[in-house]
Amino acid sequence: MSNTKMLPHNGPDWKGYTLDELRYMRAYTAARIEISKNRLAGQASNIKKNGLGSATPGGGSIASRIIGAFGYIDMALIGWRIGKMVFRTARLFKKR
């Protein structure tokens, strides 16, 4: 059994949409487009006003949301690896 919805124009005895159905679908699509335009305009004005970091849902900058996703142990491991790379690089320049 398929869970997909059978569209009326896929049926064998379909004679076409009525004028009211066409008007309804056109109005529904126009309303969806208008809502999307308003949402996009609101996000654009928010970015203009507060900068790029405000575009994320829930507020806060992108960097703060990324850092917030890490736990303390993850941050410690990342810091240790970065420190290790810095010390290796410094040791290479020191030898020269």
PDB file of N, CA and C in Angstrom:
ATOM      1  N   MET A   1       0.831  -1.186   0.000  1.00  0.00           N
ATOM      2  CA  MET A   1       0.000   0.000   0.000  1.00  0.00           C
ATOM      3  C   MET A   1       0.870   1.242   0.000  1.00  0.00           C
ATOM      4  N   SER A   2       0.544   2.179  -0.819  1.00  0.00           N
ATOM      5  CA  SER A   2       1.266   3.431  -0.910  1.00  0.00           C
ATOM      6  C   SER A   2       0.571   4.488  -0.063  1.00  0.00           C
ATOM      7  N   ASN A   3       1.367   5.289   0.659  1.00  0.00           N
ATOM      8  CA  ASN A   3       0.817   6.343   1.497  1.00  0.00           C
ATOM      9  C   ASN A   3       0.729   7.671   0.755  1.00  0.00           C
ATOM     10  N   THR A   4       1.067   7.694  -0.530  1.00  0.00           N
ATOM     11  CA  THR A   4       1.024   8.940  -1.271  1.00  0.00           C
ATOM     12  C   THR A   4      -0.411   9.289  -1.615  1.00  0.00           C
ATOM     13  N   LYS A   5      -0.664  10.599  -1.672  1.00  0.00           N
ATOM     14  CA  LYS A   5      -2.004  11.078  -1.968  1.00  0.00           C
ATOM     15  C   LYS A   5      -2.250  10.998  -3.474  1.00  0.00           C
ATOM     16  N   MET A   6      -3.389  10.455  -3.856  1.00  0.00           N
ATOM     17  CA  MET A   6      -3.751  10.364  -5.264  1.00  0.00           C
ATOM     18  C   MET A   6      -4.310  11.706  -5.714  1.00  0.00           C
ATOM     19  N   LEU A   7      -3.648  12.326  -6.649  1.00  0.00           N
ATOM     20  CA  LEU A   7      -4.109  13.614  -7.155  1.00  0.00           C
ATOM     21  C   LEU A   7      -5.253  13.398  -8.122  1.00  0.00           C
ATOM     22  N   PRO A   8      -6.209  14.337  -8.145  1.00  0.00           N
ATOM     23  CA  PRO A   8      -7.392  14.115  -8.994  1.00  0.00           C
ATOM     24  C   PRO A   8      -7.068  14.038 -10.488  1.00  0.00           C
ATOM     25  N   HIS A   9      -6.077  14.790 -10.947  1.00  0.00           N
ATOM     26  CA  HIS A   9      -5.781  14.766 -12.373  1.00  0.00           C
ATOM     27  C   HIS A   9      -5.011  13.523 -12.805  1.00  0.00           C
ATOM     28  N   ASN A  10      -4.703  12.639 -11.872  1.00  0.00           N
ATOM     29  CA  ASN A  10      -4.052  11.376 -12.220  1.00  0.00           C
ATOM     30  C   ASN A  10      -5.054  10.243 -12.398  1.00  0.00           C
ATOM     31  N   GLY A  11      -6.300  10.508 -12.091  1.00  0.00           N
ATOM     32  CA  GLY A  11      -7.334   9.478 -12.209  1.00  0.00           C
ATOM     33  C   GLY A  11      -7.810   9.324 -13.643  1.00  0.00           C
ATOM     34  N   PRO A  12      -8.342   8.148 -13.967  1.00  0.00           N
ATOM     35  CA  PRO A  12      -8.764   7.894 -15.351  1.00  0.00           C
ATOM     36  C   PRO A  12     -10.023   8.675 -15.759  1.00  0.00           C
ATOM     37  N   ASP A  13     -10.881   9.032 -14.800  1.00  0.00           N
ATOM     38  CA  ASP A  13     -12.146   9.686 -15.156  1.00  0.00           C
ATOM     39  C   ASP A  13     -12.143  11.177 -14.846  1.00  0.00           C
ATOM     40  N   TRP A  14     -10.996  11.779 -14.808  1.00  0.00           N
ATOM     41  CA  TRP A  14     -10.879  13.190 -14.449  1.00  0.00           C
ATOM     42  C   TRP A  14     -11.252  14.075 -15.631  1.00  0.00           C
ATOM     43  N   LYS A  15     -12.129  15.033 -15.403  1.00  0.00           N
ATOM     44  CA  LYS A  15     -12.618  15.884 -16.489  1.00  0.00           C
ATOM     45  C   LYS A  15     -12.068  17.304 -16.399  1.00  0.00           C
ATOM     46  N   GLY A  16     -11.220  17.580 -15.369  1.00  0.00           N
ATOM     47  CA  GLY A  16     -10.627  18.912 -15.257  1.00  0.00           C
ATOM     48  C   GLY A  16     -11.058  19.593 -13.970  1.00  0.00           C
ATOM     49  N   TYR A  17     -10.363  20.653 -13.642  1.00  0.00           N
ATOM     50  CA  TYR A  17     -10.699  21.435 -12.462  1.00  0.00           C
ATOM     51  C   TYR A  17     -11.839  22.389 -12.794  1.00  0.00           C
ATOM     52  N   THR A  18     -12.637  22.676 -11.781  1.00  0.00           N
ATOM     53  CA  THR A  18     -13.676  23.681 -11.968  1.00  0.00           C
ATOM     54  C   THR A  18     -13.050  25.051 -11.823  1.00  0.00           C
ATOM     55  N   LEU A  19     -13.777  26.079 -12.216  1.00  0.00           N
ATOM     56  CA  LEU A  19     -13.283  27.442 -12.124  1.00  0.00           C
ATOM     57  C   LEU A  19     -13.053  27.837 -10.664  1.00  0.00           C
ATOM     58  N   ASP A  20     -13.927  27.380  -9.782  1.00  0.00           N
ATOM     59  CA  ASP A  20     -13.756  27.675  -8.357  1.00  0.00           C
ATOM     60  C   ASP A  20     -12.514  27.003  -7.782  1.00  0.00           C
ATOM     61  N   GLU A  21     -12.254  25.775  -8.200  1.00  0.00           N
ATOM     62  CA  GLU A  21     -11.053  25.081  -7.740  1.00  0.00           C
ATOM     63  C   GLU A  21      -9.791  25.782  -8.214  1.00  0.00           C
ATOM     64  N   LEU A  22      -9.795  26.236  -9.455  1.00  0.00           N
ATOM     65  CA  LEU A  22      -8.644  26.963  -9.983  1.00  0.00           C
ATOM     66  C   LEU A  22      -8.431  28.278  -9.242  1.00  0.00           C
ATOM     67  N   ARG A  23      -9.507  28.994  -8.964  1.00  0.00           N
ATOM     68  CA  ARG A  23      -9.405  30.252  -8.217  1.00  0.00           C
ATOM     69  C   ARG A  23      -8.881  30.007  -6.803  1.00  0.00           C
ATOM     70  N   TYR A  24      -9.383  28.947  -6.183  1.00  0.00           N
ATOM     71  CA  TYR A  24      -8.935  28.625  -4.826  1.00  0.00           C
ATOM     72  C   TYR A  24      -7.444  28.296  -4.813  1.00  0.00           C
ATOM     73  N   MET A  25      -6.990  27.455  -5.749  1.00  0.00           N
ATOM     74  CA  MET A  25      -5.571  27.075  -5.791  1.00  0.00           C
ATOM     75  C   MET A  25      -4.699  28.293  -6.081  1.00  0.00           C
ATOM     76  N   ARG A  26      -5.165  29.188  -6.945  1.00  0.00           N
ATOM     77  CA  ARG A  26      -4.405  30.385  -7.276  1.00  0.00           C
ATOM     78  C   ARG A  26      -4.301  31.321  -6.068  1.00  0.00           C
ATOM     79  N   ALA A  27      -5.396  31.493  -5.347  1.00  0.00           N
ATOM     80  CA  ALA A  27      -5.390  32.351  -4.157  1.00  0.00           C
ATOM     81  C   ALA A  27      -4.518  31.737  -3.056  1.00  0.00           C
ATOM     82  N   TYR A  28      -4.601  30.437  -2.892  1.00  0.00           N
ATOM     83  CA  TYR A  28      -3.799  29.744  -1.884  1.00  0.00           C
ATOM     84  C   TYR A  28      -2.305  29.887  -2.181  1.00  0.00           C
ATOM     85  N   THR A  29      -1.934  29.718  -3.454  1.00  0.00           N
ATOM     86  CA  THR A  29      -0.529  29.856  -3.849  1.00  0.00           C
ATOM     87  C   THR A  29      -0.055  31.292  -3.672  1.00  0.00           C
ATOM     88  N   ALA A  30      -0.893  32.272  -4.030  1.00  0.00           N
ATOM     89  CA  ALA A  30      -0.527  33.679  -3.865  1.00  0.00           C
ATOM     90  C   ALA A  30      -0.328  34.008  -2.385  1.00  0.00           C
ATOM     91  N   ALA A  31      -1.171  33.459  -1.516  1.00  0.00           N
ATOM     92  CA  ALA A  31      -1.025  33.700  -0.073  1.00  0.00           C
ATOM     93  C   ALA A  31       0.263  33.085   0.449  1.00  0.00           C
ATOM     94  N   ARG A  32       0.596  31.884   0.013  1.00  0.00           N
ATOM     95  CA  ARG A  32       1.854  31.249   0.433  1.00  0.00           C
ATOM     96  C   ARG A  32       3.057  32.061  -0.021  1.00  0.00           C
ATOM     97  N   ILE A  33       3.020  32.572  -1.244  1.00  0.00           N
ATOM     98  CA  ILE A  33       4.124  33.387  -1.759  1.00  0.00           C
ATOM     99  C   ILE A  33       4.250  34.671  -0.956  1.00  0.00           C
ATOM    100  N   GLU A  34       3.137  35.302  -0.641  1.00  0.00           N
ATOM    101  CA  GLU A  34       3.164  36.556   0.119  1.00  0.00           C
ATOM    102  C   GLU A  34       3.717  36.334   1.525  1.00  0.00           C
ATOM    103  N   ILE A  35       3.335  35.245   2.156  1.00  0.00           N
ATOM    104  CA  ILE A  35       3.854  34.921   3.494  1.00  0.00           C
ATOM    105  C   ILE A  35       5.359  34.688   3.426  1.00  0.00           C
ATOM    106  N   SER A  36       5.816  33.982   2.401  1.00  0.00           N
ATOM    107  CA  SER A  36       7.253  33.741   2.247  1.00  0.00           C
ATOM    108  C   SER A  36       8.009  35.040   2.003  1.00  0.00           C
ATOM    109  N   LYS A  37       7.440  35.944   1.195  1.00  0.00           N
ATOM    110  CA  LYS A  37       8.067  37.234   0.947  1.00  0.00           C
ATOM    111  C   LYS A  37       8.193  38.039   2.233  1.00  0.00           C
ATOM    112  N   ASN A  38       7.134  38.057   3.030  1.00  0.00           N
ATOM    113  CA  ASN A  38       7.164  38.806   4.288  1.00  0.00           C
ATOM    114  C   ASN A  38       8.192  38.225   5.250  1.00  0.00           C
ATOM    115  N   ARG A  39       8.269  36.911   5.322  1.00  0.00           N
ATOM    116  CA  ARG A  39       9.235  36.260   6.200  1.00  0.00           C
ATOM    117  C   ARG A  39      10.662  36.585   5.759  1.00  0.00           C
ATOM    118  N   LEU A  40      10.918  36.523   4.462  1.00  0.00           N
ATOM    119  CA  LEU A  40      12.234  36.820   3.922  1.00  0.00           C
ATOM    120  C   LEU A  40      12.603  38.289   4.128  1.00  0.00           C
ATOM    121  N   ALA A  41      11.636  39.197   3.932  1.00  0.00           N
ATOM    122  CA  ALA A  41      11.892  40.618   4.149  1.00  0.00           C
ATOM    123  C   ALA A  41      12.205  40.897   5.615  1.00  0.00           C
ATOM    124  N   GLY A  42      11.514  40.219   6.515  1.00  0.00           N
ATOM    125  CA  GLY A  42      11.791  40.380   7.941  1.00  0.00           C
ATOM    126  C   GLY A  42      13.180  39.899   8.312  1.00  0.00           C
ATOM    127  N   GLN A  43      13.595  38.784   7.756  1.00  0.00           N
ATOM    128  CA  GLN A  43      14.938  38.276   8.023  1.00  0.00           C
ATOM    129  C   GLN A  43      15.992  39.203   7.442  1.00  0.00           C
ATOM    130  N   ALA A  44      15.744  39.742   6.257  1.00  0.00           N
ATOM    131  CA  ALA A  44      16.704  40.654   5.635  1.00  0.00           C
ATOM    132  C   ALA A  44      16.842  41.934   6.449  1.00  0.00           C
ATOM    133  N   SER A  45      15.726  42.486   6.921  1.00  0.00           N
ATOM    134  CA  SER A  45      15.812  43.707   7.728  1.00  0.00           C
ATOM    135  C   SER A  45      16.488  43.429   9.062  1.00  0.00           C
ATOM    136  N   ASN A  46      16.287  42.244   9.609  1.00  0.00           N
ATOM    137  CA  ASN A  46      16.954  41.868  10.854  1.00  0.00           C
ATOM    138  C   ASN A  46      18.458  41.767  10.649  1.00  0.00           C
ATOM    139  N   ILE A  47      18.880  41.233   9.507  1.00  0.00           N
ATOM    140  CA  ILE A  47      20.305  41.133   9.193  1.00  0.00           C
ATOM    141  C   ILE A  47      20.898  42.521   8.999  1.00  0.00           C
ATOM    142  N   LYS A  48      20.174  43.403   8.290  1.00  0.00           N
ATOM    143  CA  LYS A  48      20.667  44.762   8.076  1.00  0.00           C
ATOM    144  C   LYS A  48      20.826  45.505   9.395  1.00  0.00           C
ATOM    145  N   LYS A  49      19.885  45.299  10.290  1.00  0.00           N
ATOM    146  CA  LYS A  49      19.894  46.029  11.548  1.00  0.00           C
ATOM    147  C   LYS A  49      20.917  45.476  12.538  1.00  0.00           C
ATOM    148  N   ASN A  50      21.005  44.177  12.659  1.00  0.00           N
ATOM    149  CA  ASN A  50      21.817  43.570  13.713  1.00  0.00           C
ATOM    150  C   ASN A  50      23.053  42.848  13.217  1.00  0.00           C
ATOM    151  N   GLY A  51      23.257  42.751  11.933  1.00  0.00           N
ATOM    152  CA  GLY A  51      24.414  42.037  11.418  1.00  0.00           C
ATOM    153  C   GLY A  51      24.069  40.606  11.058  1.00  0.00           C
ATOM    154  N   LEU A  52      25.037  39.911  10.486  1.00  0.00           N
ATOM    155  CA  LEU A  52      24.817  38.564   9.967  1.00  0.00           C
ATOM    156  C   LEU A  52      24.527  37.545  11.061  1.00  0.00           C
ATOM    157  N   GLY A  53      25.070  37.705  12.254  1.00  0.00           N
ATOM    158  CA  GLY A  53      24.879  36.722  13.318  1.00  0.00           C
ATOM    159  C   GLY A  53      23.454  36.635  13.796  1.00  0.00           C
ATOM    160  N   SER A  54      22.654  37.679  13.549  1.00  0.00           N
ATOM    161  CA  SER A  54      21.278  37.678  14.029  1.00  0.00           C
ATOM    162  C   SER A  54      20.352  36.866  13.142  1.00  0.00           C
ATOM    163  N   ALA A  55      20.859  36.350  12.040  1.00  0.00           N
ATOM    164  CA  ALA A  55      20.018  35.601  11.115  1.00  0.00           C
ATOM    165  C   ALA A  55      19.697  34.205  11.634  1.00  0.00           C
ATOM    166  N   THR A  56      20.413  33.750  12.642  1.00  0.00           N
ATOM    167  CA  THR A  56      20.176  32.409  13.154  1.00  0.00           C
ATOM    168  C   THR A  56      18.918  32.395  14.005  1.00  0.00           C
ATOM    169  N   PRO A  57      18.089  31.383  13.892  1.00  0.00           N
ATOM    170  CA  PRO A  57      16.899  31.316  14.718  1.00  0.00           C
ATOM    171  C   PRO A  57      17.278  31.177  16.185  1.00  0.00           C
ATOM    172  N   GLY A  58      16.579  31.865  17.040  1.00  0.00           N
ATOM    173  CA  GLY A  58      16.870  31.799  18.466  1.00  0.00           C
ATOM    174  C   GLY A  58      17.855  32.862  18.898  1.00  0.00           C
ATOM    175  N   GLY A  59      18.341  33.672  17.981  1.00  0.00           N
ATOM    176  CA  GLY A  59      19.237  34.774  18.308  1.00  0.00           C
ATOM    177  C   GLY A  59      20.640  34.303  18.599  1.00  0.00           C
ATOM    178  N   GLY A  60      21.516  35.258  18.841  1.00  0.00           N
ATOM    179  CA  GLY A  60      22.904  34.938  19.106  1.00  0.00           C
ATOM    180  C   GLY A  60      23.691  34.825  17.821  1.00  0.00           C
ATOM    181  N   SER A  61      24.971  35.061  17.922  1.00  0.00           N
ATOM    182  CA  SER A  61      25.800  34.984  16.731  1.00  0.00           C
ATOM    183  C   SER A  61      26.067  33.523  16.370  1.00  0.00           C
ATOM    184  N   ILE A  62      26.531  33.332  15.168  1.00  0.00           N
ATOM    185  CA  ILE A  62      26.806  31.979  14.691  1.00  0.00           C
ATOM    186  C   ILE A  62      27.925  31.352  15.520  1.00  0.00           C
ATOM    187  N   ALA A  63      28.964  32.162  15.821  1.00  0.00           N
ATOM    188  CA  ALA A  63      30.093  31.641  16.597  1.00  0.00           C
ATOM    189  C   ALA A  63      29.641  31.218  17.989  1.00  0.00           C
ATOM    190  N   SER A  64      28.795  32.013  18.627  1.00  0.00           N
ATOM    191  CA  SER A  64      28.350  31.649  19.975  1.00  0.00           C
ATOM    192  C   SER A  64      27.483  30.395  19.961  1.00  0.00           C
ATOM    193  N   ARG A  65      26.710  30.213  18.900  1.00  0.00           N
ATOM    194  CA  ARG A  65      25.889  29.006  18.810  1.00  0.00           C
ATOM    195  C   ARG A  65      26.753  27.771  18.568  1.00  0.00           C
ATOM    196  N   ILE A  66      27.838  27.923  17.778  1.00  0.00           N
ATOM    197  CA  ILE A  66      28.739  26.792  17.533  1.00  0.00           C
ATOM    198  C   ILE A  66      29.466  26.426  18.818  1.00  0.00           C
ATOM    199  N   ILE A  67      29.983  27.435  19.516  1.00  0.00           N
ATOM    200  CA  ILE A  67      30.692  27.176  20.772  1.00  0.00           C
ATOM    201  C   ILE A  67      29.748  26.594  21.814  1.00  0.00           C
ATOM    202  N   GLY A  68      28.507  27.054  21.815  1.00  0.00           N
ATOM    203  CA  GLY A  68      27.518  26.534  22.761  1.00  0.00           C
ATOM    204  C   GLY A  68      27.171  25.076  22.519  1.00  0.00           C
ATOM    205  N   ALA A  69      27.385  24.615  21.299  1.00  0.00           N
ATOM    206  CA  ALA A  69      27.074  23.224  20.980  1.00  0.00           C
ATOM    207  C   ALA A  69      28.121  22.261  21.520  1.00  0.00           C
ATOM    208  N   PHE A  70      29.332  22.773  21.786  1.00  0.00           N
ATOM    209  CA  PHE A  70      30.390  21.925  22.321  1.00  0.00           C
ATOM    210  C   PHE A  70      30.292  21.846  23.840  1.00  0.00           C
ATOM    211  N   GLY A  71      30.637  20.698  24.377  1.00  0.00           N
ATOM    212  CA  GLY A  71      30.739  20.546  25.813  1.00  0.00           C
ATOM    213  C   GLY A  71      32.114  20.990  26.289  1.00  0.00           C
ATOM    214  N   TYR A  72      32.315  21.020  27.595  1.00  0.00           N
ATOM    215  CA  TYR A  72      33.588  21.463  28.151  1.00  0.00           C
ATOM    216  C   TYR A  72      34.732  20.526  27.757  1.00  0.00           C
ATOM    217  N   ILE A  73      34.458  19.251  27.727  1.00  0.00           N
ATOM    218  CA  ILE A  73      35.501  18.280  27.365  1.00  0.00           C
ATOM    219  C   ILE A  73      35.897  18.468  25.901  1.00  0.00           C
ATOM    220  N   ASP A  74      34.894  18.694  25.030  1.00  0.00           N
ATOM    221  CA  ASP A  74      35.202  18.926  23.616  1.00  0.00           C
ATOM    222  C   ASP A  74      36.062  20.173  23.443  1.00  0.00           C
ATOM    223  N   MET A  75      35.714  21.246  24.146  1.00  0.00           N
ATOM    224  CA  MET A  75      36.499  22.481  24.040  1.00  0.00           C
ATOM    225  C   MET A  75      37.916  22.279  24.563  1.00  0.00           C
ATOM    226  N   ALA A  76      38.059  21.498  25.636  1.00  0.00           N
ATOM    227  CA  ALA A  76      39.392  21.238  26.176  1.00  0.00           C
ATOM    228  C   ALA A  76      40.238  20.442  25.174  1.00  0.00           C
ATOM    229  N   LEU A  77      39.645  19.441  24.544  1.00  0.00           N
ATOM    230  CA  LEU A  77      40.373  18.649  23.550  1.00  0.00           C
ATOM    231  C   LEU A  77      40.758  19.484  22.330  1.00  0.00           C
ATOM    232  N   ILE A  78      39.851  20.332  21.872  1.00  0.00           N
ATOM    233  CA  ILE A  78      40.163  21.197  20.734  1.00  0.00           C
ATOM    234  C   ILE A  78      41.273  22.165  21.111  1.00  0.00           C
ATOM    235  N   GLY A  79      41.202  22.747  22.305  1.00  0.00           N
ATOM    236  CA  GLY A  79      42.255  23.651  22.771  1.00  0.00           C
ATOM    237  C   GLY A  79      43.599  22.957  22.876  1.00  0.00           C
ATOM    238  N   TRP A  80      43.598  21.729  23.369  1.00  0.00           N
ATOM    239  CA  TRP A  80      44.843  20.966  23.500  1.00  0.00           C
ATOM    240  C   TRP A  80      45.449  20.696  22.124  1.00  0.00           C
ATOM    241  N   ARG A  81      44.603  20.312  21.163  1.00  0.00           N
ATOM    242  CA  ARG A  81      45.111  20.038  19.810  1.00  0.00           C
ATOM    243  C   ARG A  81      45.647  21.299  19.149  1.00  0.00           C
ATOM    244  N   ILE A  82      44.944  22.410  19.310  1.00  0.00           N
ATOM    245  CA  ILE A  82      45.419  23.669  18.731  1.00  0.00           C
ATOM    246  C   ILE A  82      46.734  24.075  19.395  1.00  0.00           C
ATOM    247  N   GLY A  83      46.820  23.953  20.707  1.00  0.00           N
ATOM    248  CA  GLY A  83      48.056  24.279  21.418  1.00  0.00           C
ATOM    249  C   GLY A  83      49.208  23.413  20.963  1.00  0.00           C
ATOM    250  N   LYS A  84      48.938  22.148  20.752  1.00  0.00           N
ATOM    251  CA  LYS A  84      49.960  21.215  20.292  1.00  0.00           C
ATOM    252  C   LYS A  84      50.494  21.627  18.924  1.00  0.00           C
ATOM    253  N   MET A  85      49.599  22.019  18.033  1.00  0.00           N
ATOM    254  CA  MET A  85      50.016  22.456  16.701  1.00  0.00           C
ATOM    255  C   MET A  85      50.814  23.751  16.776  1.00  0.00           C
ATOM    256  N   VAL A  86      50.406  24.661  17.648  1.00  0.00           N
ATOM    257  CA  VAL A  86      51.123  25.934  17.779  1.00  0.00           C
ATOM    258  C   VAL A  86      52.533  25.694  18.308  1.00  0.00           C
ATOM    259  N   PHE A  87      52.665  24.852  19.319  1.00  0.00           N
ATOM    260  CA  PHE A  87      53.987  24.581  19.886  1.00  0.00           C
ATOM    261  C   PHE A  87      54.889  23.868  18.887  1.00  0.00           C
ATOM    262  N   ARG A  88      54.332  22.956  18.077  1.00  0.00           N
ATOM    263  CA  ARG A  88      55.133  22.288  17.051  1.00  0.00           C
ATOM    264  C   ARG A  88      55.613  23.291  16.014  1.00  0.00           C
ATOM    265  N   THR A  89      54.726  24.165  15.597  1.00  0.00           N
ATOM    266  CA  THR A  89      55.093  25.186  14.618  1.00  0.00           C
ATOM    267  C   THR A  89      56.142  26.131  15.193  1.00  0.00           C
ATOM    268  N   ALA A  90      55.980  26.533  16.441  1.00  0.00           N
ATOM    269  CA  ALA A  90      56.954  27.424  17.075  1.00  0.00           C
ATOM    270  C   ALA A  90      58.310  26.733  17.196  1.00  0.00           C
ATOM    271  N   ARG A  91      58.320  25.450  17.491  1.00  0.00           N
ATOM    272  CA  ARG A  91      59.563  24.698  17.612  1.00  0.00           C
ATOM    273  C   ARG A  91      60.280  24.620  16.261  1.00  0.00           C
ATOM    274  N   LEU A  92      59.520  24.484  15.176  1.00  0.00           N
ATOM    275  CA  LEU A  92      60.128  24.448  13.837  1.00  0.00           C
ATOM    276  C   LEU A  92      60.790  25.790  13.502  1.00  0.00           C
ATOM    277  N   PHE A  93      60.117  26.876  13.823  1.00  0.00           N
ATOM    278  CA  PHE A  93      60.688  28.201  13.542  1.00  0.00           C
ATOM    279  C   PHE A  93      61.862  28.501  14.455  1.00  0.00           C
ATOM    280  N   LYS A  94      61.853  27.944  15.663  1.00  0.00           N
ATOM    281  CA  LYS A  94      62.939  28.178  16.623  1.00  0.00           C
ATOM    282  C   LYS A  94      64.225  27.504  16.148  1.00  0.00           C
ATOM    283  N   LYS A  95      64.110  26.327  15.533  1.00  0.00           N
ATOM    284  CA  LYS A  95      65.290  25.597  15.058  1.00  0.00           C
ATOM    285  C   LYS A  95      65.963  26.309  13.903  1.00  0.00           C
ATOM    286  N   ARG A  96      65.248  27.056  13.132  1.00  0.00           N
ATOM    287  CA  ARG A  96      65.801  27.716  11.942  1.00  0.00           C
ATOM    288  C   ARG A  96      66.498  28.940  12.325  1.00  0.00           C
TER     289      ARG A  96
END
